[in-house]
Amino acid sequence: MRIRISHSIAYSYAEPVRQLRQVLRLTPRDHDGQHVMSWRVAPSIDGRLHAGQDPFGNIVHDFSADGPIESYTIEINGVVETIDLAGAVRGVTEKAPPDVFMRDTRLTQANEPLRALANKAAGTDGSDLTRLHALMEAINAEIRCVPTADHLGIGAAACAEAGKGIPQDVAHVFMTCARLLGAPARYVSGYVAASDTLSHADGAHAWAEAYLPDYGWIGFDSANGLCPIDTHVRVANGLDYADAAPVRGARTGGQGESLLVEVTAQAAKPRFQGQ
């Protein structure tokens, strides 16, 4: 599938920003399941934009600018060609060994509801892969995924207590339970193309990946109840949302911030020559 992505992040301030610095994880990398045909990250104001990579192998842009800044927008546009690998993650730039992803974080602390979910999956007959699929299905059935636009992330424990959360929370639930089952697990941010068959395909999305020695890394999208397919564009990964957040940063001044985010990810229309 060829997916066209448009992502706009617009900031405005009641008090101008005097100095700004942001870390942007908004650029996907090539791997066996996707090829980046074109991609552009473009801030609307003059500043310094430097590309690099972080300890997890994610492409990172460091953006800084001097004020006064009353408003600005980061525009991301690109086209990615994907193939369905049934969740298998191959050809990814790996900077950290799998055992690193057994480490708990503030967003992946276990509690009794999470242990109950893990124990339910652990009782499934079959292989470790079968148990991870059972875990994904149990989370999909028992935790309601709600739109990111209407809610904030609350972490795995609070999500399990509430029985609902945004996609990043649902990913954290899977990661916490997978680690309880002994499988390294990591957070993935990305995009999902609009689809009539997926419940949560509204552009920006999050899911998890778990590692099994016999298979390598495998993706699990518990919000949609399936392993990532050709609708999914993988952008960044880490121990939790904080490591793969699209934008993180700091500023001097800039009180009264307003934020508007618009994202679309759609199958690109083919171009026919000679017509």
C-alpha atoms as a PDB file:
ATOM      1  CA  MET A   1       0.000   0.000   0.000  1.00  0.00           C
ATOM      2  CA  ARG A   2       1.177   3.515  -0.783  1.00  0.00           C
ATOM      3  CA  ILE A   3       0.209   5.848   2.074  1.00  0.00           C
ATOM      4  CA  ARG A   4       0.210   9.642   1.911  1.00  0.00           C
ATOM      5  CA  ILE A   5       0.626  11.321   5.292  1.00  0.00           C
ATOM      6  CA  SER A   6      -0.054  14.937   6.237  1.00  0.00           C
ATOM      7  CA  HIS A   7       0.610  16.034   9.817  1.00  0.00           C
ATOM      8  CA  SER A   8       0.327  19.605  11.066  1.00  0.00           C
ATOM      9  CA  ILE A   9       1.257  20.759  14.594  1.00  0.00           C
ATOM     10  CA  ALA A  10       0.339  24.407  15.180  1.00  0.00           C
ATOM     11  CA  TYR A  11       1.293  26.443  18.261  1.00  0.00           C
ATOM     12  CA  SER A  12       0.173  29.894  19.327  1.00  0.00           C
ATOM     13  CA  TYR A  13       0.957  31.857  22.495  1.00  0.00           C
ATOM     14  CA  ALA A  14      -0.671  34.642  24.467  1.00  0.00           C
ATOM     15  CA  GLU A  15       2.852  35.745  25.481  1.00  0.00           C
ATOM     16  CA  PRO A  16       5.607  35.447  22.838  1.00  0.00           C
ATOM     17  CA  VAL A  17       8.241  32.741  23.206  1.00  0.00           C
ATOM     18  CA  ARG A  18      11.735  34.132  23.784  1.00  0.00           C
ATOM     19  CA  GLN A  19      13.633  30.908  23.051  1.00  0.00           C
ATOM     20  CA  LEU A  20      12.517  27.481  21.854  1.00  0.00           C
ATOM     21  CA  ARG A  21      14.033  24.029  21.572  1.00  0.00           C
ATOM     22  CA  GLN A  22      12.216  20.875  20.443  1.00  0.00           C
ATOM     23  CA  VAL A  23      13.154  17.262  19.756  1.00  0.00           C
ATOM     24  CA  LEU A  24      11.120  15.856  16.859  1.00  0.00           C
ATOM     25  CA  ARG A  25      10.606  12.133  16.277  1.00  0.00           C
ATOM     26  CA  LEU A  26       8.463  12.502  13.190  1.00  0.00           C
ATOM     27  CA  THR A  27      10.435  10.725  10.461  1.00  0.00           C
ATOM     28  CA  PRO A  28      10.051   7.019   9.600  1.00  0.00           C
ATOM     29  CA  ARG A  29      12.938   4.806   8.529  1.00  0.00           C
ATOM     30  CA  ASP A  30      13.048   2.183   5.809  1.00  0.00           C
ATOM     31  CA  HIS A  31      12.772  -1.469   6.834  1.00  0.00           C
ATOM     32  CA  ASP A  32      11.521  -4.667   5.204  1.00  0.00           C
ATOM     33  CA  GLY A  33       7.887  -3.648   5.746  1.00  0.00           C
ATOM     34  CA  GLN A  34       8.069  -0.046   4.544  1.00  0.00           C
ATOM     35  CA  HIS A  35       9.937   2.201   2.122  1.00  0.00           C
ATOM     36  CA  VAL A  36       9.924   5.972   2.598  1.00  0.00           C
ATOM     37  CA  MET A  37       9.395   7.407  -0.883  1.00  0.00           C
ATOM     38  CA  SER A  38       9.393  11.049   0.202  1.00  0.00           C
ATOM     39  CA  TRP A  39       9.351  12.867   3.541  1.00  0.00           C
ATOM     40  CA  ARG A  40       9.664  16.469   4.693  1.00  0.00           C
ATOM     41  CA  VAL A  41       9.638  18.088   8.150  1.00  0.00           C
ATOM     42  CA  ALA A  42       9.251  21.862   7.796  1.00  0.00           C
ATOM     43  CA  PRO A  43       8.902  24.386  10.655  1.00  0.00           C
ATOM     44  CA  SER A  44       7.206  27.603   9.546  1.00  0.00           C
ATOM     45  CA  ILE A  45       9.708  29.883  11.290  1.00  0.00           C
ATOM     46  CA  ASP A  46      13.427  30.430  10.840  1.00  0.00           C
ATOM     47  CA  GLY A  47      15.594  28.363  13.129  1.00  0.00           C
ATOM     48  CA  ARG A  48      18.156  25.583  13.313  1.00  0.00           C
ATOM     49  CA  LEU A  49      17.083  22.067  12.320  1.00  0.00           C
ATOM     50  CA  HIS A  50      19.633  19.288  12.754  1.00  0.00           C
ATOM     51  CA  ALA A  51      19.045  15.594  12.006  1.00  0.00           C
ATOM     52  CA  GLY A  52      20.498  12.698  14.016  1.00  0.00           C
ATOM     53  CA  GLN A  53      19.445   9.532  15.763  1.00  0.00           C
ATOM     54  CA  ASP A  54      18.768   8.571  19.363  1.00  0.00           C
ATOM     55  CA  PRO A  55      19.930   5.494  21.353  1.00  0.00           C
ATOM     56  CA  PHE A  56      16.977   3.466  20.004  1.00  0.00           C
ATOM     57  CA  GLY A  57      17.833   4.149  16.360  1.00  0.00           C
ATOM     58  CA  ASN A  58      15.004   6.636  15.793  1.00  0.00           C
ATOM     59  CA  ILE A  59      15.563   9.546  13.400  1.00  0.00           C
ATOM     60  CA  VAL A  60      15.539  12.709  15.503  1.00  0.00           C
ATOM     61  CA  HIS A  61      15.443  16.358  14.449  1.00  0.00           C
ATOM     62  CA  ASP A  62      16.640  18.935  16.955  1.00  0.00           C
ATOM     63  CA  PHE A  63      14.894  22.255  16.261  1.00  0.00           C
ATOM     64  CA  SER A  64      15.738  25.510  17.999  1.00  0.00           C
ATOM     65  CA  ALA A  65      14.681  29.103  17.351  1.00  0.00           C
ATOM     66  CA  ASP A  66      14.954  32.531  18.931  1.00  0.00           C
ATOM     67  CA  GLY A  67      11.987  34.782  19.544  1.00  0.00           C
ATOM     68  CA  PRO A  68       9.878  36.659  19.757  1.00  0.00           C
ATOM     69  CA  ILE A  69       7.599  33.854  18.485  1.00  0.00           C
ATOM     70  CA  GLU A  70       3.852  34.352  18.669  1.00  0.00           C
ATOM     71  CA  SER A  71       2.899  31.320  16.601  1.00  0.00           C
ATOM     72  CA  TYR A  72       4.428  28.673  14.360  1.00  0.00           C
ATOM     73  CA  THR A  73       3.594  25.372  12.709  1.00  0.00           C
ATOM     74  CA  ILE A  74       5.502  22.181  12.023  1.00  0.00           C
ATOM     75  CA  GLU A  75       4.338  20.626   8.757  1.00  0.00           C
ATOM     76  CA  ILE A  76       5.112  16.970   8.022  1.00  0.00           C
ATOM     77  CA  ASN A  77       4.307  15.531   4.615  1.00  0.00           C
ATOM     78  CA  GLY A  78       5.367  12.296   2.997  1.00  0.00           C
ATOM     79  CA  VAL A  79       4.582   9.107   1.141  1.00  0.00           C
ATOM     80  CA  VAL A  80       5.455   5.640   2.435  1.00  0.00           C
ATOM     81  CA  GLU A  81       5.040   2.342   0.604  1.00  0.00           C
ATOM     82  CA  THR A  82       4.192  -0.586   2.888  1.00  0.00           C
ATOM     83  CA  ILE A  83       3.772  -4.339   2.649  1.00  0.00           C
ATOM     84  CA  ASP A  84       1.991  -6.698   5.027  1.00  0.00           C
ATOM     85  CA  LEU A  85       4.475  -8.791   7.039  1.00  0.00           C
ATOM     86  CA  ALA A  86       1.797 -10.056   9.479  1.00  0.00           C
ATOM     87  CA  GLY A  87       3.375  -8.094  12.313  1.00  0.00           C
ATOM     88  CA  ALA A  88       6.951  -9.302  11.790  1.00  0.00           C
ATOM     89  CA  VAL A  89       9.522  -6.519  12.217  1.00  0.00           C
ATOM     90  CA  ARG A  90      12.515  -7.101   9.956  1.00  0.00           C
ATOM     91  CA  GLY A  91      15.338  -4.915   8.710  1.00  0.00           C
ATOM     92  CA  VAL A  92      14.912  -2.315  11.461  1.00  0.00           C
ATOM     93  CA  THR A  93      17.939  -0.376  12.719  1.00  0.00           C
ATOM     94  CA  GLU A  94      18.492  -1.929  16.174  1.00  0.00           C
ATOM     95  CA  LYS A  95      20.660  -0.004  18.636  1.00  0.00           C
ATOM     96  CA  ALA A  96      19.609  -1.676  21.907  1.00  0.00           C
ATOM     97  CA  PRO A  97      19.531  -5.404  22.779  1.00  0.00           C
ATOM     98  CA  PRO A  98      16.107  -6.927  23.549  1.00  0.00           C
ATOM     99  CA  ASP A  99      16.776  -7.239  27.299  1.00  0.00           C
ATOM    100  CA  VAL A 100      16.805  -3.441  27.579  1.00  0.00           C
ATOM    101  CA  PHE A 101      13.053  -3.548  26.914  1.00  0.00           C
ATOM    102  CA  MET A 102      12.335  -5.601  30.034  1.00  0.00           C
ATOM    103  CA  ARG A 103      12.804  -2.449  32.107  1.00  0.00           C
ATOM    104  CA  ASP A 104       9.724  -0.905  33.682  1.00  0.00           C
ATOM    105  CA  THR A 105       9.051   2.825  33.509  1.00  0.00           C
ATOM    106  CA  ARG A 106       6.636   5.200  35.186  1.00  0.00           C
ATOM    107  CA  LEU A 107       4.093   4.517  32.423  1.00  0.00           C
ATOM    108  CA  THR A 108       4.460   0.720  32.560  1.00  0.00           C
ATOM    109  CA  GLN A 109       4.221  -0.037  36.280  1.00  0.00           C
ATOM    110  CA  ALA A 110       2.241  -3.228  37.002  1.00  0.00           C
ATOM    111  CA  ASN A 111      -0.806  -3.439  39.269  1.00  0.00           C
ATOM    112  CA  GLU A 112      -3.326  -6.180  40.064  1.00  0.00           C
ATOM    113  CA  PRO A 113      -5.579  -5.685  36.978  1.00  0.00           C
ATOM    114  CA  LEU A 114      -2.492  -5.896  34.754  1.00  0.00           C
ATOM    115  CA  ARG A 115      -1.242  -9.006  36.533  1.00  0.00           C
ATOM    116  CA  ALA A 116      -4.684 -10.552  36.066  1.00  0.00           C
ATOM    117  CA  LEU A 117      -4.545  -9.871  32.317  1.00  0.00           C
ATOM    118  CA  ALA A 118      -1.060 -11.381  32.113  1.00  0.00           C
ATOM    119  CA  ASN A 119      -2.100 -14.443  34.126  1.00  0.00           C
ATOM    120  CA  LYS A 120      -5.108 -14.940  31.861  1.00  0.00           C
ATOM    121  CA  ALA A 121      -2.837 -14.997  28.817  1.00  0.00           C
ATOM    122  CA  ALA A 122      -0.300 -17.215  30.613  1.00  0.00           C
ATOM    123  CA  GLY A 123      -2.984 -19.878  31.029  1.00  0.00           C
ATOM    124  CA  THR A 124      -3.483 -20.169  27.266  1.00  0.00           C
ATOM    125  CA  ASP A 125      -2.342 -23.474  25.777  1.00  0.00           C
ATOM    126  CA  GLY A 126       0.301 -23.277  23.077  1.00  0.00           C
ATOM    127  CA  SER A 127       3.511 -21.380  22.363  1.00  0.00           C
ATOM    128  CA  ASP A 128       4.765 -18.072  23.717  1.00  0.00           C
ATOM    129  CA  LEU A 129       3.562 -16.474  20.474  1.00  0.00           C
ATOM    130  CA  THR A 130       0.083 -17.910  21.037  1.00  0.00           C
ATOM    131  CA  ARG A 131       0.033 -16.438  24.541  1.00  0.00           C
ATOM    132  CA  LEU A 132       0.990 -12.996  23.244  1.00  0.00           C
ATOM    133  CA  HIS A 133      -1.829 -13.164  20.707  1.00  0.00           C
ATOM    134  CA  ALA A 134      -4.180 -14.185  23.534  1.00  0.00           C
ATOM    135  CA  LEU A 135      -2.955 -11.191  25.546  1.00  0.00           C
ATOM    136  CA  MET A 136      -3.648  -8.830  22.653  1.00  0.00           C
ATOM    137  CA  GLU A 137      -7.150 -10.251  22.202  1.00  0.00           C
ATOM    138  CA  ALA A 138      -7.919  -9.990  25.930  1.00  0.00           C
ATOM    139  CA  ILE A 139      -6.808  -6.346  26.034  1.00  0.00           C
ATOM    140  CA  ASN A 140      -8.851  -5.554  22.930  1.00  0.00           C
ATOM    141  CA  ALA A 141     -11.925  -7.136  24.528  1.00  0.00           C
ATOM    142  CA  GLU A 142     -11.576  -5.722  28.040  1.00  0.00           C
ATOM    143  CA  ILE A 143     -10.105  -2.228  27.557  1.00  0.00           C
ATOM    144  CA  ARG A 144     -11.950   0.353  25.502  1.00  0.00           C
ATOM    145  CA  CYS A 145      -9.751   2.492  23.288  1.00  0.00           C
ATOM    146  CA  VAL A 146     -10.883   6.139  23.202  1.00  0.00           C
ATOM    147  CA  PRO A 147      -9.869   8.964  20.816  1.00  0.00           C
ATOM    148  CA  THR A 148      -6.590  10.730  21.524  1.00  0.00           C
ATOM    149  CA  ALA A 149      -8.140  14.105  20.678  1.00  0.00           C
ATOM    150  CA  ASP A 150     -10.497  13.873  23.667  1.00  0.00           C
ATOM    151  CA  HIS A 151      -8.224  12.428  26.363  1.00  0.00           C
ATOM    152  CA  LEU A 152      -4.706  12.505  27.798  1.00  0.00           C
ATOM    153  CA  GLY A 153      -2.410   9.532  28.355  1.00  0.00           C
ATOM    154  CA  ILE A 154      -2.620   8.043  31.860  1.00  0.00           C
ATOM    155  CA  GLY A 155      -0.251   5.049  31.762  1.00  0.00           C
ATOM    156  CA  ALA A 156      -0.809   1.292  31.906  1.00  0.00           C
ATOM    157  CA  ALA A 157      -1.915   0.926  35.536  1.00  0.00           C
ATOM    158  CA  ALA A 158      -4.521   3.712  35.445  1.00  0.00           C
ATOM    159  CA  CYS A 159      -5.767   2.495  32.057  1.00  0.00           C
ATOM    160  CA  ALA A 160      -6.278  -1.038  33.386  1.00  0.00           C
ATOM    161  CA  GLU A 161      -8.078   0.333  36.460  1.00  0.00           C
ATOM    162  CA  ALA A 162     -10.370   2.509  34.349  1.00  0.00           C
ATOM    163  CA  GLY A 163     -10.947  -0.082  31.630  1.00  0.00           C
ATOM    164  CA  LYS A 164     -10.283   2.533  28.951  1.00  0.00           C
ATOM    165  CA  GLY A 165      -7.498   4.653  27.513  1.00  0.00           C
ATOM    166  CA  ILE A 166      -6.068   6.208  24.379  1.00  0.00           C
ATOM    167  CA  PRO A 167      -3.933   4.100  21.985  1.00  0.00           C
ATOM    168  CA  GLN A 168      -0.699   4.938  23.810  1.00  0.00           C
ATOM    169  CA  ASP A 169      -2.233   3.661  27.073  1.00  0.00           C
ATOM    170  CA  VAL A 170      -3.440   0.468  25.410  1.00  0.00           C
ATOM    171  CA  ALA A 171       0.083  -0.083  24.061  1.00  0.00           C
ATOM    172  CA  HIS A 172       1.508   0.435  27.553  1.00  0.00           C
ATOM    173  CA  VAL A 173      -0.926  -2.166  28.924  1.00  0.00           C
ATOM    174  CA  PHE A 174       0.272  -4.735  26.399  1.00  0.00           C
ATOM    175  CA  MET A 175       3.925  -3.915  27.098  1.00  0.00           C
ATOM    176  CA  THR A 176       3.544  -4.239  30.860  1.00  0.00           C
ATOM    177  CA  CYS A 177       1.744  -7.575  30.576  1.00  0.00           C
ATOM    178  CA  ALA A 178       4.185  -8.931  27.983  1.00  0.00           C
ATOM    179  CA  ARG A 179       7.084  -8.110  30.304  1.00  0.00           C
ATOM    180  CA  LEU A 180       5.265  -9.913  33.132  1.00  0.00           C
ATOM    181  CA  LEU A 181       5.144 -12.919  30.784  1.00  0.00           C
ATOM    182  CA  GLY A 182       8.913 -12.645  30.281  1.00  0.00           C
ATOM    183  CA  ALA A 183       8.905 -11.071  26.808  1.00  0.00           C
ATOM    184  CA  PRO A 184      10.794  -7.812  26.165  1.00  0.00           C
ATOM    185  CA  ALA A 185       8.334  -5.231  24.855  1.00  0.00           C
ATOM    186  CA  ARG A 186       8.651  -1.744  23.414  1.00  0.00           C
ATOM    187  CA  TYR A 187       6.438   1.180  22.476  1.00  0.00           C
ATOM    188  CA  VAL A 188       5.941   2.213  18.846  1.00  0.00           C
ATOM    189  CA  SER A 189       4.566   5.488  17.515  1.00  0.00           C
ATOM    190  CA  GLY A 190       3.413   5.851  13.940  1.00  0.00           C
ATOM    191  CA  TYR A 191       0.478   6.291  11.617  1.00  0.00           C
ATOM    192  CA  VAL A 192      -2.402   4.097  10.464  1.00  0.00           C
ATOM    193  CA  ALA A 193      -4.060   4.736   7.122  1.00  0.00           C
ATOM    194  CA  ALA A 194      -7.810   5.271   7.044  1.00  0.00           C
ATOM    195  CA  SER A 195      -9.566   1.916   6.749  1.00  0.00           C
ATOM    196  CA  ASP A 196     -13.158   0.707   6.890  1.00  0.00           C
ATOM    197  CA  THR A 197     -12.030  -2.476   8.657  1.00  0.00           C
ATOM    198  CA  LEU A 198     -10.079  -0.900  11.546  1.00  0.00           C
ATOM    199  CA  SER A 199     -11.717   0.761  14.537  1.00  0.00           C
ATOM    200  CA  HIS A 200      -8.788   3.078  15.190  1.00  0.00           C
ATOM    201  CA  ALA A 201      -7.344   4.358  11.939  1.00  0.00           C
ATOM    202  CA  ASP A 202      -7.468   8.119  12.291  1.00  0.00           C
ATOM    203  CA  GLY A 203      -3.884   9.020  11.384  1.00  0.00           C
ATOM    204  CA  ALA A 204      -1.512   9.098  14.368  1.00  0.00           C
ATOM    205  CA  HIS A 205      -1.443   5.851  16.327  1.00  0.00           C
ATOM    206  CA  ALA A 206       0.563   3.754  18.795  1.00  0.00           C
ATOM    207  CA  TRP A 207       1.104   0.044  19.293  1.00  0.00           C
ATOM    208  CA  ALA A 208       3.631  -2.319  20.891  1.00  0.00           C
ATOM    209  CA  GLU A 209       6.257  -4.812  19.787  1.00  0.00           C
ATOM    210  CA  ALA A 210       7.352  -7.895  21.726  1.00  0.00           C
ATOM    211  CA  TYR A 211      10.474  -9.985  21.261  1.00  0.00           C
ATOM    212  CA  LEU A 212      10.571 -13.775  21.035  1.00  0.00           C
ATOM    213  CA  PRO A 213      13.905 -15.525  20.377  1.00  0.00           C
ATOM    214  CA  ASP A 214      12.427 -17.788  17.670  1.00  0.00           C
ATOM    215  CA  TYR A 215      10.725 -14.925  15.794  1.00  0.00           C
ATOM    216  CA  GLY A 216      12.441 -11.642  16.622  1.00  0.00           C
ATOM    217  CA  TRP A 217      10.311  -8.549  17.131  1.00  0.00           C
ATOM    218  CA  ILE A 218       6.575  -8.795  16.405  1.00  0.00           C
ATOM    219  CA  GLY A 219       4.057  -5.941  16.437  1.00  0.00           C
ATOM    220  CA  PHE A 220       0.784  -6.076  18.386  1.00  0.00           C
ATOM    221  CA  ASP A 221      -1.879  -3.399  17.884  1.00  0.00           C
ATOM    222  CA  SER A 222      -4.189  -4.143  20.808  1.00  0.00           C
ATOM    223  CA  ALA A 223      -6.392  -1.115  20.083  1.00  0.00           C
ATOM    224  CA  ASN A 224      -7.351  -2.660  16.736  1.00  0.00           C
ATOM    225  CA  GLY A 225      -6.972  -6.279  17.855  1.00  0.00           C
ATOM    226  CA  LEU A 226      -4.429  -7.329  15.212  1.00  0.00           C
ATOM    227  CA  CYS A 227      -0.772  -7.398  14.339  1.00  0.00           C
ATOM    228  CA  PRO A 228       0.269  -4.365  12.254  1.00  0.00           C
ATOM    229  CA  ILE A 229      -0.456  -4.783   8.557  1.00  0.00           C
ATOM    230  CA  ASP A 230       0.176  -2.652   5.475  1.00  0.00           C
ATOM    231  CA  THR A 231      -1.994   0.154   6.859  1.00  0.00           C
ATOM    232  CA  HIS A 232       0.631   0.835   9.555  1.00  0.00           C
ATOM    233  CA  VAL A 233       3.623   3.174   9.182  1.00  0.00           C
ATOM    234  CA  ARG A 234       6.241   2.706  11.908  1.00  0.00           C
ATOM    235  CA  VAL A 235       8.030   5.906  13.020  1.00  0.00           C
ATOM    236  CA  ALA A 236       9.750   5.578  16.426  1.00  0.00           C
ATOM    237  CA  ASN A 237      10.186   3.161  19.322  1.00  0.00           C
ATOM    238  CA  GLY A 238      11.312   3.210  22.950  1.00  0.00           C
ATOM    239  CA  LEU A 239      10.720   1.998  26.483  1.00  0.00           C
ATOM    240  CA  ASP A 240       7.439   3.939  26.565  1.00  0.00           C
ATOM    241  CA  TYR A 241       5.702   6.981  25.058  1.00  0.00           C
ATOM    242  CA  ALA A 242       8.308   9.385  26.459  1.00  0.00           C
ATOM    243  CA  ASP A 243      11.039   7.805  24.302  1.00  0.00           C
ATOM    244  CA  ALA A 244       8.995   7.931  21.086  1.00  0.00           C
ATOM    245  CA  ALA A 245       6.870  11.054  21.521  1.00  0.00           C
ATOM    246  CA  PRO A 246       6.510  12.962  18.227  1.00  0.00           C
ATOM    247  CA  VAL A 247       7.475  16.267  19.879  1.00  0.00           C
ATOM    248  CA  ARG A 248       9.181  17.051  23.184  1.00  0.00           C
ATOM    249  CA  GLY A 249      10.853  20.257  24.172  1.00  0.00           C
ATOM    250  CA  ALA A 250      11.208  23.353  26.311  1.00  0.00           C
ATOM    251  CA  ARG A 251      10.793  27.084  25.872  1.00  0.00           C
ATOM    252  CA  THR A 252      11.436  30.373  27.609  1.00  0.00           C
ATOM    253  CA  GLY A 253       8.333  32.526  27.843  1.00  0.00           C
ATOM    254  CA  GLY A 254       5.317  31.541  25.812  1.00  0.00           C
ATOM    255  CA  GLN A 255       2.610  31.564  28.457  1.00  0.00           C
ATOM    256  CA  GLY A 256      -0.912  30.748  27.295  1.00  0.00           C
ATOM    257  CA  GLU A 257      -0.044  28.061  24.751  1.00  0.00           C
ATOM    258  CA  SER A 258      -2.700  26.803  22.338  1.00  0.00           C
ATOM    259  CA  LEU A 259      -2.110  23.653  20.296  1.00  0.00           C
ATOM    260  CA  LEU A 260      -3.888  22.387  17.191  1.00  0.00           C
ATOM    261  CA  VAL A 261      -2.918  19.029  15.674  1.00  0.00           C
ATOM    262  CA  GLU A 262      -4.280  17.712  12.376  1.00  0.00           C
ATOM    263  CA  VAL A 263      -3.288  14.338  10.922  1.00  0.00           C
ATOM    264  CA  THR A 264      -4.401  12.418   7.876  1.00  0.00           C
ATOM    265  CA  ALA A 265      -3.028   9.130   6.553  1.00  0.00           C
ATOM    266  CA  GLN A 266      -4.684   7.799   3.427  1.00  0.00           C
ATOM    267  CA  ALA A 267      -4.002   5.387   0.615  1.00  0.00           C
ATOM    268  CA  ALA A 268      -2.366   7.414  -2.152  1.00  0.00           C
ATOM    269  CA  LYS A 269      -4.123   7.372  -5.493  1.00  0.00           C
ATOM    270  CA  PRO A 270      -2.051   5.644  -8.185  1.00  0.00           C
ATOM    271  CA  ARG A 271      -0.719   7.738 -11.037  1.00  0.00           C
ATOM    272  CA  PHE A 272      -1.423   6.356 -14.475  1.00  0.00           C
ATOM    273  CA  GLN A 273       0.887   7.341 -17.283  1.00  0.00           C
ATOM    274  CA  GLY A 274      -0.360   8.041 -20.777  1.00  0.00           C
ATOM    275  CA  GLN A 275      -3.843   9.083 -19.680  1.00  0.00           C
END
